[in-house]
Protein backbone atom coordinates (compact mmCIF):
# COMPACT_ATOMS: atom_id res chain seq x y z
CA MET A 1 92.83 -20.41 -9.90
CA SER A 2 96.53 -21.20 -9.61
CA SER A 3 97.88 -24.16 -7.70
CA GLN A 4 99.44 -23.77 -4.26
CA TYR A 5 102.62 -24.96 -5.92
CA GLY A 6 102.78 -21.96 -8.27
CA ALA A 7 100.99 -20.26 -11.16
CA PHE A 8 102.17 -22.62 -13.90
CA SER A 9 100.28 -21.50 -17.04
CA THR A 10 100.32 -18.20 -18.81
CA LYS A 11 96.57 -17.82 -18.39
CA GLN A 12 96.79 -18.43 -14.64
CA GLU A 13 99.63 -15.93 -14.16
CA GLU A 14 98.14 -13.12 -16.19
CA GLY A 15 94.69 -13.58 -14.57
CA LYS A 16 96.09 -13.54 -11.05
CA LYS A 17 94.79 -10.76 -8.82
CA ARG A 18 96.55 -8.92 -6.07
CA ILE A 19 96.07 -10.63 -2.74
CA ILE A 20 99.09 -9.59 -0.58
CA PRO A 21 98.97 -6.25 1.33
CA ASP A 22 101.85 -3.82 0.81
CA ARG A 23 102.91 -4.01 4.46
CA ILE A 24 103.58 -7.72 4.20
CA LEU A 25 105.58 -7.32 0.96
CA ILE A 26 107.61 -4.48 2.52
CA ARG A 27 108.36 -6.61 5.55
CA GLN A 28 109.59 -9.45 3.31
CA VAL A 29 111.82 -6.98 1.41
CA TYR A 30 113.23 -5.71 4.68
CA ASP A 31 114.36 -9.24 5.53
CA TYR A 32 116.73 -8.97 2.56
CA ILE A 33 117.87 -5.50 3.67
CA ARG A 34 118.51 -6.49 7.26
CA PRO A 35 122.11 -7.63 6.83
CA PHE A 36 122.90 -4.15 5.48
CA ARG A 37 120.86 -2.19 7.97
CA ARG A 38 123.88 -0.12 8.99
CA ASN A 39 124.16 1.28 5.49
CA PHE A 40 120.35 1.56 5.36
CA PHE A 41 120.11 3.77 8.51
CA ILE A 42 123.14 5.85 7.49
CA GLY A 43 121.36 6.46 4.20
CA ILE A 44 118.08 7.39 5.94
CA MET A 45 119.81 9.79 8.35
CA ALA A 46 121.61 11.44 5.40
CA ILE A 47 118.32 11.79 3.57
CA VAL A 48 116.56 13.46 6.50
CA LEU A 49 119.40 15.81 7.32
CA GLY A 50 119.84 16.57 3.56
CA SER A 51 116.20 17.60 3.31
CA LEU A 52 116.57 19.89 6.35
CA THR A 53 119.67 21.58 4.98
CA GLY A 54 117.84 22.00 1.65
CA LEU A 55 114.94 23.73 3.45
CA ALA A 56 117.30 26.16 5.22
CA ALA A 57 118.04 28.12 2.02
CA PRO A 58 114.66 29.89 1.64
CA TYR A 59 114.73 30.93 5.27
CA MET A 60 118.24 32.41 4.75
CA HIS A 61 116.89 34.35 1.73
CA LYS A 62 114.22 35.77 4.06
CA VAL A 63 116.89 36.82 6.57
CA ALA A 64 119.00 38.39 3.81
CA ILE A 65 116.04 40.42 2.45
CA ASP A 66 114.54 41.59 5.81
CA GLN A 67 117.80 42.17 7.77
CA ILE A 68 120.40 43.00 5.15
CA ILE A 69 118.93 44.24 1.82
CA LEU A 70 115.94 46.25 2.88
CA PRO A 71 117.66 48.06 5.75
CA GLY A 72 120.63 48.67 3.53
CA ASN A 73 123.00 46.93 5.95
CA LEU A 74 125.11 45.24 3.25
CA SER A 75 127.91 44.54 5.70
CA GLY A 76 125.68 41.75 7.02
CA PHE A 77 126.65 39.66 4.04
CA ILE A 78 130.05 39.16 5.73
CA TRP A 79 128.42 36.67 8.11
CA TRP A 80 125.55 35.54 5.84
CA ILE A 81 127.57 34.31 2.90
CA PRO A 82 129.88 31.90 4.85
CA ILE A 83 126.84 30.41 6.60
CA PHE A 84 124.97 30.00 3.26
CA VAL A 85 127.92 28.39 1.54
CA THR A 86 128.39 25.99 4.48
CA VAL A 87 124.71 24.96 4.34
CA VAL A 88 124.99 24.28 0.55
CA LEU A 89 128.12 22.27 0.87
CA VAL A 90 126.76 20.18 3.67
CA ASN A 91 123.66 19.54 1.63
CA TYR A 92 125.69 18.33 -1.36
CA PHE A 93 127.78 16.06 0.92
CA LEU A 94 124.66 14.53 2.45
CA GLN A 95 123.28 13.87 -1.04
CA TYR A 96 126.49 11.98 -1.89
CA VAL A 97 126.24 9.93 1.27
CA GLN A 98 122.61 9.02 0.79
CA ILE A 99 123.02 7.99 -2.85
CA PHE A 100 126.13 5.88 -2.07
CA GLN A 101 124.68 4.13 0.96
CA MET A 102 121.24 3.37 -0.59
CA ARG A 103 122.83 1.97 -3.78
CA ILE A 104 124.88 -0.39 -1.62
CA VAL A 105 121.67 -1.52 0.03
CA GLY A 106 119.77 -1.86 -3.27
CA GLU A 107 122.45 -3.86 -5.07
CA ASN A 108 123.06 -6.26 -2.23
CA ALA A 109 119.40 -6.81 -1.34
CA VAL A 110 118.48 -7.68 -4.90
CA ALA A 111 121.58 -9.97 -5.11
CA ARG A 112 120.21 -11.87 -2.06
CA MET A 113 116.80 -12.15 -3.78
CA ARG A 114 118.34 -13.62 -6.83
CA ASP A 115 120.40 -16.05 -4.76
CA GLU A 116 117.25 -17.28 -3.00
CA ILE A 117 115.40 -17.61 -6.28
CA MET A 118 118.23 -19.71 -7.80
CA GLU A 119 118.31 -21.89 -4.71
CA LYS A 120 114.50 -22.36 -4.92
CA LEU A 121 114.71 -23.29 -8.68
CA GLN A 122 117.13 -26.10 -7.70
CA VAL A 123 114.50 -27.91 -5.50
CA ILE A 124 111.25 -26.75 -6.96
CA SER A 125 109.01 -29.42 -8.49
CA LEU A 126 109.43 -30.60 -12.11
CA ARG A 127 105.80 -29.74 -12.83
CA TYR A 128 106.68 -26.01 -12.40
CA PHE A 129 108.95 -26.25 -15.40
CA SER A 130 106.99 -28.72 -17.53
CA GLU A 131 103.67 -26.73 -17.22
CA GLY A 132 105.28 -23.30 -17.16
CA GLU A 133 107.39 -21.36 -19.57
CA ILE A 134 111.10 -21.06 -18.91
CA GLY A 135 111.31 -17.52 -20.24
CA ARG A 136 108.41 -16.49 -18.03
CA ILE A 137 110.20 -17.98 -15.01
CA LEU A 138 113.50 -16.27 -15.90
CA SER A 139 111.65 -12.97 -16.28
CA ARG A 140 111.28 -12.82 -12.51
CA PRO A 141 114.86 -12.89 -11.34
CA ILE A 142 115.84 -10.69 -14.32
CA ASN A 143 113.12 -8.15 -15.24
CA ASP A 144 111.22 -8.09 -11.90
CA ALA A 145 114.35 -8.10 -9.78
CA ASN A 146 115.77 -5.24 -11.87
CA THR A 147 112.57 -3.23 -11.26
CA ILE A 148 113.01 -3.73 -7.50
CA ARG A 149 116.67 -2.86 -7.73
CA ILE A 150 115.92 0.46 -9.41
CA PHE A 151 113.26 1.37 -6.82
CA LEU A 152 115.60 0.49 -3.86
CA ARG A 153 118.48 2.47 -5.38
CA ILE A 154 116.60 5.56 -6.59
CA GLY A 155 112.83 5.39 -5.92
CA PHE A 156 112.98 4.67 -2.17
CA THR A 157 115.54 7.36 -1.63
CA SER A 158 113.40 9.89 -3.48
CA VAL A 159 110.33 8.87 -1.48
CA LEU A 160 112.05 9.50 1.85
CA LEU A 161 113.72 12.70 0.68
CA ASP A 162 110.50 14.11 -0.79
CA THR A 163 108.41 13.13 2.22
CA SER A 164 110.99 14.82 4.57
CA SER A 165 111.02 17.97 2.39
CA ILE A 166 107.28 18.20 2.32
CA ILE A 167 106.82 17.75 6.09
CA GLY A 168 109.68 20.20 6.78
CA ALA A 169 108.28 22.79 4.32
CA PHE A 170 104.82 22.52 6.00
CA LEU A 171 106.26 23.06 9.48
CA ILE A 172 108.31 26.09 8.43
CA MET A 173 105.32 27.65 6.51
CA PHE A 174 103.15 27.36 9.64
CA PHE A 175 105.89 28.84 11.71
CA LEU A 176 106.19 31.79 9.36
CA ASP A 177 102.47 32.61 9.01
CA LEU A 178 99.49 30.41 10.03
CA ARG A 179 96.75 32.08 7.92
CA LEU A 180 98.71 32.15 4.69
CA SER A 181 99.79 28.48 5.29
CA VAL A 182 96.11 27.38 5.67
CA ALA A 183 95.31 29.17 2.45
CA ALA A 184 98.22 27.75 0.56
CA LEU A 185 97.49 24.17 1.67
CA SER A 186 93.75 24.33 1.10
CA ILE A 187 94.14 22.61 -2.34
CA LEU A 188 96.34 19.76 -1.01
CA PRO A 189 93.41 17.45 -0.21
CA VAL A 190 92.40 17.59 -3.93
CA ALA A 191 95.86 16.36 -4.93
CA MET A 192 95.67 13.50 -2.44
CA VAL A 193 92.33 12.38 -3.69
CA VAL A 194 93.69 12.39 -7.25
CA VAL A 195 96.69 10.29 -6.20
CA TRP A 196 94.52 7.78 -4.36
CA TYR A 197 92.01 7.46 -7.27
CA LEU A 198 94.72 6.95 -9.92
CA GLY A 199 96.65 4.60 -7.67
CA ARG A 200 93.72 2.13 -7.73
CA TYR A 201 94.47 1.53 -11.40
CA SER A 202 98.33 1.71 -11.32
CA ARG A 203 99.01 -1.52 -9.63
CA SER A 204 96.97 -3.73 -11.96
CA ALA A 205 98.28 -1.94 -14.96
CA TYR A 206 101.89 -2.52 -13.98
CA ARG A 207 101.31 -6.06 -13.02
CA LYS A 208 99.80 -6.62 -16.43
CA ALA A 209 102.83 -4.92 -18.04
CA LEU A 210 105.30 -7.13 -16.14
CA SER A 211 103.30 -10.22 -16.90
CA THR A 212 103.15 -9.64 -20.62
CA LEU A 213 106.86 -8.84 -20.59
CA GLY A 214 107.49 -12.19 -18.98
CA GLY A 215 105.29 -13.79 -21.77
CA LEU A 216 107.42 -12.08 -24.39
CA THR A 217 110.65 -13.38 -22.73
CA ALA A 218 109.09 -16.87 -22.66
CA ARG A 219 108.14 -16.68 -26.27
CA MET A 220 111.63 -15.62 -27.32
CA GLN A 221 113.19 -18.38 -25.28
CA GLU A 222 110.98 -21.05 -26.83
CA ASP A 223 111.59 -19.73 -30.33
CA PHE A 224 115.33 -19.67 -29.88
CA SER A 225 115.50 -23.13 -28.27
CA GLY A 226 113.29 -24.60 -31.00
CA ILE A 227 114.77 -22.74 -34.01
CA LYS A 228 116.00 -25.97 -35.69
CA VAL A 229 112.56 -27.50 -35.56
CA THR A 230 110.92 -24.22 -36.80
CA GLN A 231 113.24 -24.11 -39.78
CA ALA A 232 112.91 -27.82 -40.48
CA PHE A 233 109.14 -27.56 -40.82
CA VAL A 234 109.26 -24.07 -42.49
CA GLN A 235 107.33 -22.38 -39.69
CA GLU A 236 109.22 -19.09 -39.72
CA SER A 237 106.11 -17.12 -40.64
CA SER A 238 104.09 -18.72 -37.76
CA ALA A 239 106.87 -17.99 -35.28
CA ARG A 240 107.13 -14.36 -36.44
CA GLU A 241 103.34 -13.88 -36.06
CA GLY A 242 103.46 -15.36 -32.62
CA PHE A 243 106.25 -13.05 -31.59
CA GLU A 244 104.52 -9.98 -33.03
CA LYS A 245 101.34 -10.85 -31.12
CA LYS A 246 103.25 -11.08 -27.83
CA GLN A 247 105.09 -7.89 -28.73
CA ASN A 248 101.79 -6.02 -29.27
CA GLU A 249 100.47 -7.26 -25.92
CA VAL A 250 103.60 -5.83 -24.20
CA ILE A 251 103.19 -2.48 -26.02
CA ASN A 252 99.47 -2.18 -25.19
CA ALA A 253 99.98 -3.07 -21.57
CA ASN A 254 102.81 -0.53 -21.22
CA LYS A 255 100.76 2.09 -23.06
CA ARG A 256 97.96 1.69 -20.52
CA ALA A 257 100.46 1.98 -17.59
CA ILE A 258 102.03 5.10 -19.15
CA LEU A 259 98.61 6.64 -19.75
CA ILE A 260 97.86 6.37 -16.02
CA SER A 261 101.34 7.56 -15.08
CA ALA A 262 101.21 10.60 -17.47
CA SER A 263 97.94 11.73 -15.76
CA TYR A 264 99.60 12.45 -12.37
CA GLN A 265 101.88 15.37 -13.08
CA PRO A 266 99.70 17.70 -15.17
CA ILE A 267 97.03 17.65 -12.54
CA VAL A 268 99.47 18.38 -9.70
CA ILE A 269 101.25 21.18 -11.71
CA VAL A 270 97.85 22.88 -12.26
CA LEU A 271 97.17 22.66 -8.55
CA ARG A 272 100.57 24.21 -7.86
CA ILE A 273 99.78 27.11 -10.15
CA ILE A 274 96.56 27.64 -8.21
CA GLY A 275 98.53 27.50 -4.94
CA SER A 276 100.96 30.11 -6.18
CA VAL A 277 98.14 32.46 -7.12
CA ILE A 278 96.62 32.05 -3.67
CA ILE A 279 99.91 32.78 -1.94
CA LEU A 280 100.70 35.85 -4.09
CA TRP A 281 97.12 37.22 -3.73
CA TYR A 282 96.87 36.94 0.06
CA GLY A 283 100.58 37.49 0.64
CA SER A 284 100.57 40.80 -1.20
CA SER A 285 97.64 42.09 0.82
CA PHE A 286 99.47 41.06 4.03
CA VAL A 287 102.62 42.89 2.91
CA VAL A 288 100.65 46.02 1.97
CA SER A 289 98.92 46.08 5.37
CA GLY A 290 102.10 45.53 7.20
CA ILE A 291 101.23 42.12 8.61
CA MET A 292 104.03 40.39 6.73
CA THR A 293 107.49 41.38 5.48
CA ILE A 294 108.57 41.01 1.87
CA GLY A 295 111.25 38.52 2.88
CA THR A 296 108.60 36.30 4.49
CA LEU A 297 106.49 36.35 1.33
CA VAL A 298 109.54 35.51 -0.78
CA ALA A 299 110.38 32.65 1.58
CA PHE A 300 106.74 31.50 1.39
CA THR A 301 106.77 31.24 -2.37
CA GLU A 302 110.03 29.27 -2.26
CA TYR A 303 108.64 26.93 0.37
CA GLN A 304 105.52 26.48 -1.74
CA PHE A 305 107.84 25.43 -4.60
CA ALA A 306 109.79 23.33 -2.09
CA TYR A 307 106.83 21.22 -1.15
CA PHE A 308 105.02 21.12 -4.54
CA MET A 309 107.98 19.94 -6.64
CA PRO A 310 108.72 17.08 -4.16
CA LEU A 311 104.99 16.33 -4.27
CA VAL A 312 105.15 16.00 -8.09
CA ASP A 313 108.25 13.86 -7.71
CA LEU A 314 106.59 11.83 -4.95
CA ILE A 315 103.61 11.18 -7.19
CA ALA A 316 105.94 10.00 -9.94
CA MET A 317 107.70 7.77 -7.39
CA TYR A 318 104.32 6.52 -6.21
CA ASP A 319 103.83 5.33 -9.78
CA GLN A 320 107.24 3.66 -9.63
CA TYR A 321 106.29 2.25 -6.21
CA GLN A 322 103.26 0.60 -7.77
CA SER A 323 105.48 -0.94 -10.42
CA ALA A 324 107.90 -2.20 -7.76
CA MET A 325 105.14 -3.63 -5.61
CA ALA A 326 103.84 -5.52 -8.61
CA ALA A 327 107.32 -6.86 -9.33
CA ILE A 328 107.76 -7.87 -5.65
CA GLU A 329 104.48 -9.78 -5.76
CA ARG A 330 105.52 -11.72 -8.81
CA LEU A 331 109.04 -12.42 -7.41
CA PHE A 332 107.57 -13.74 -4.08
CA ASP A 333 105.10 -15.84 -6.00
CA LEU A 334 108.18 -17.83 -7.02
CA VAL A 335 110.02 -17.69 -3.69
CA ASP A 336 106.92 -18.76 -1.79
CA THR A 337 105.98 -21.63 -4.18
CA LYS A 338 105.68 -24.86 -2.26
CA VAL A 339 107.74 -27.88 -3.25
CA GLU A 340 105.57 -30.83 -4.23
CA VAL A 341 108.15 -33.50 -3.67
CA VAL A 342 110.22 -32.97 -0.53
CA GLU A 343 113.57 -34.72 -0.16
CA ALA A 344 113.47 -37.46 2.54
CA PRO A 345 115.58 -36.98 5.63
CA LEU A 346 119.16 -38.38 5.39
CA GLU A 347 118.48 -41.26 7.83
CA ARG A 348 115.62 -42.46 5.56
CA LYS A 349 117.50 -42.33 2.30
CA ILE A 350 118.34 -45.71 0.66
CA GLU A 351 121.97 -46.39 0.41
CA LEU A 352 123.05 -47.51 -3.12
């Protein structure tokens, strides 16, 4: 068990289990985002609107096929092309806005985290440094903070965009044809079960990977700071063996995390192929019987792609989310560490 004043030893830190729910971690992260909430909400609105404009294209393809191409009314392209170009340009503009605003939020939020960590390190107890490893401590404001930074800049944006695209695609598919939508989404519960099952192992694997990386950083720091002593006592071979041992631990921990990560996408892609077969099988019979138009079937296949590819991306981001949550846990372990020796109030200090 680690002390209430921090996990000082390598064994304590690497053996520490997850104890903080995600909702509490997210709430703590939002406290750092709060000063930039204007940029944050502008970015969210751009993400939602961008997903809607992206979903408009398949429906416009349906309109072009059913109302312009099949009837032979090619003059309809006079009004269709300007609308389509406008939708595409608006979508590109919203992508620019969302990327710009969310990167502002990510960079500034992580900068505030690092500022608070440095302030905490100025007052934290000496035992934290004497019993701990400096490189392991530095790994948190450097490696862990960078993991959070990447997630806030890219991962969080992808999560919102993909979620909006999936929900929007579902709504439009049910609007186009209820029966075919039910058939197409029948395999979705299988994908959700797979994500939940693999997610149970992702967090512990990424926490182990970050912890071993911190151990490697600590080992390098100690070797560099004591290089004169190492050379004086001819201990280069021992130092090299110790470094290689830590290096192998990092490699093995990351290989395990990658093994779990690599299992997501192949399973979901297989499910997408099955979903495409279901849509084409039932959709073709509906077209032949006159229940559905060709344009609607084409739009359906595009919307199936429009929700499955974001689903694949969302699963990959879920993997990155697990990594970010593990980094946030480690970072707040340091931020929330209690100070053993608290400075006395000014009126009680002894004047020299």
